[in-house]
Amino acid sequence: MLHMKAHDCDVMITTMLAVGIRNILPEKVRLAIMSLCFFFNTISQKVIDERALDDLEKNLFEIMCLLEVYLLASYYSFG
C-alpha cells in the first residue's frame, strides 16, 4: 500500500490539482480553485515575505467569496 507523507499531499494540493482541473471545470470555478492552490503554495514556502502577508490575507478573503459564489457551502465549510 502506498502511504503519502505530508509533503506529498502539499505538492498534490498546491500544484497537481491546479493542473488536473484546468480543462474540466468551468473557467470561473477553475480560477477560484487554482487561486486557492496558489495561496497554499505561497504559504507553504520556507520563506514568506512579511510585506506580502496583507496581500495574501486580502486574496484569501476574495478566494473564499468566489468559492462561496460558485460552490455549495458544504464543500468548504468546517463548522
Protein backbone atom coordinates (compact mmCIF):
# COMPACT_ATOMS: atom_id res chain seq x y z
CA MET A 1 0.00 0.00 0.00
CA LEU A 2 1.27 3.47 -0.89
CA HIS A 3 1.44 5.90 2.02
CA MET A 4 1.63 9.59 1.33
CA LYS A 5 3.60 11.89 3.54
CA ALA A 6 2.52 15.44 4.40
CA HIS A 7 4.86 16.91 1.78
CA ASP A 8 3.34 14.68 -0.91
CA CYS A 9 -0.15 15.93 -0.04
CA ASP A 10 1.11 19.50 -0.06
CA VAL A 11 2.55 19.08 -3.56
CA MET A 12 -0.66 17.50 -4.80
CA ILE A 13 -2.82 20.33 -3.46
CA THR A 14 -0.59 23.22 -4.49
CA THR A 15 0.48 22.09 -7.95
CA MET A 16 -1.09 18.94 -9.30
CA LEU A 17 -4.70 19.88 -8.50
CA ALA A 18 -4.36 23.12 -10.44
CA VAL A 19 -3.05 21.22 -13.45
CA GLY A 20 -5.62 18.45 -13.13
CA ILE A 21 -8.69 20.72 -13.21
CA ARG A 22 -7.57 23.12 -15.90
CA ASN A 23 -9.81 21.68 -18.65
CA ILE A 24 -12.52 20.03 -16.56
CA LEU A 25 -14.37 22.73 -14.65
CA PRO A 26 -15.96 25.98 -15.84
CA GLU A 27 -13.41 28.79 -16.04
CA LYS A 28 -14.67 30.84 -13.09
CA VAL A 29 -14.75 27.81 -10.76
CA ARG A 30 -11.38 26.66 -12.02
CA LEU A 31 -9.80 30.07 -11.39
CA ALA A 32 -11.17 30.20 -7.84
CA ILE A 33 -9.78 26.75 -7.01
CA MET A 34 -6.46 27.49 -8.72
CA SER A 35 -6.17 30.72 -6.73
CA LEU A 36 -6.64 28.73 -3.54
CA CYS A 37 -3.94 26.30 -4.69
CA PHE A 38 -1.56 29.19 -5.35
CA PHE A 39 -2.36 30.62 -1.92
CA PHE A 40 -1.46 27.33 -0.24
CA ASN A 41 1.68 27.10 -2.37
CA THR A 42 2.74 30.56 -1.21
CA ILE A 43 2.19 29.91 2.49
CA SER A 44 3.95 26.54 2.32
CA GLN A 45 7.23 28.11 1.23
CA LYS A 46 10.15 28.14 3.65
CA VAL A 47 10.38 31.92 3.49
CA ILE A 48 7.42 34.28 3.23
CA ASP A 49 7.92 37.97 2.59
CA GLU A 50 6.41 39.76 5.56
CA ARG A 51 5.25 42.61 3.33
CA ALA A 52 3.16 40.17 1.26
CA LEU A 53 1.11 38.89 4.20
CA ASP A 54 -1.53 41.62 3.96
CA ASP A 55 -2.00 40.92 0.25
CA LEU A 56 -2.21 37.19 0.95
CA GLU A 57 -4.91 37.77 3.55
CA LYS A 58 -6.87 40.01 1.17
CA ASN A 59 -6.56 37.44 -1.62
CA LEU A 60 -7.75 34.66 0.70
CA PHE A 61 -10.92 36.61 1.54
CA GLU A 62 -11.56 37.17 -2.17
CA ILE A 63 -10.97 33.49 -2.92
CA MET A 64 -13.36 32.40 -0.17
CA CYS A 65 -16.02 34.75 -1.54
CA LEU A 66 -15.58 33.30 -5.03
CA LEU A 67 -15.81 29.76 -3.69
CA GLU A 68 -18.98 30.70 -1.84
CA VAL A 69 -20.49 32.01 -5.07
CA TYR A 70 -19.53 29.05 -7.28
CA LEU A 71 -19.66 26.08 -4.90
CA LEU A 72 -22.07 24.81 -2.30
CA ALA A 73 -21.20 25.92 1.22
CA SER A 74 -20.84 22.26 2.29
CA TYR A 75 -17.74 21.92 0.09
CA TYR A 76 -15.63 24.29 2.10
CA SER A 77 -17.31 24.91 5.46
CA PHE A 78 -15.66 23.45 8.53
CA GLY A 79 -18.35 24.12 11.11
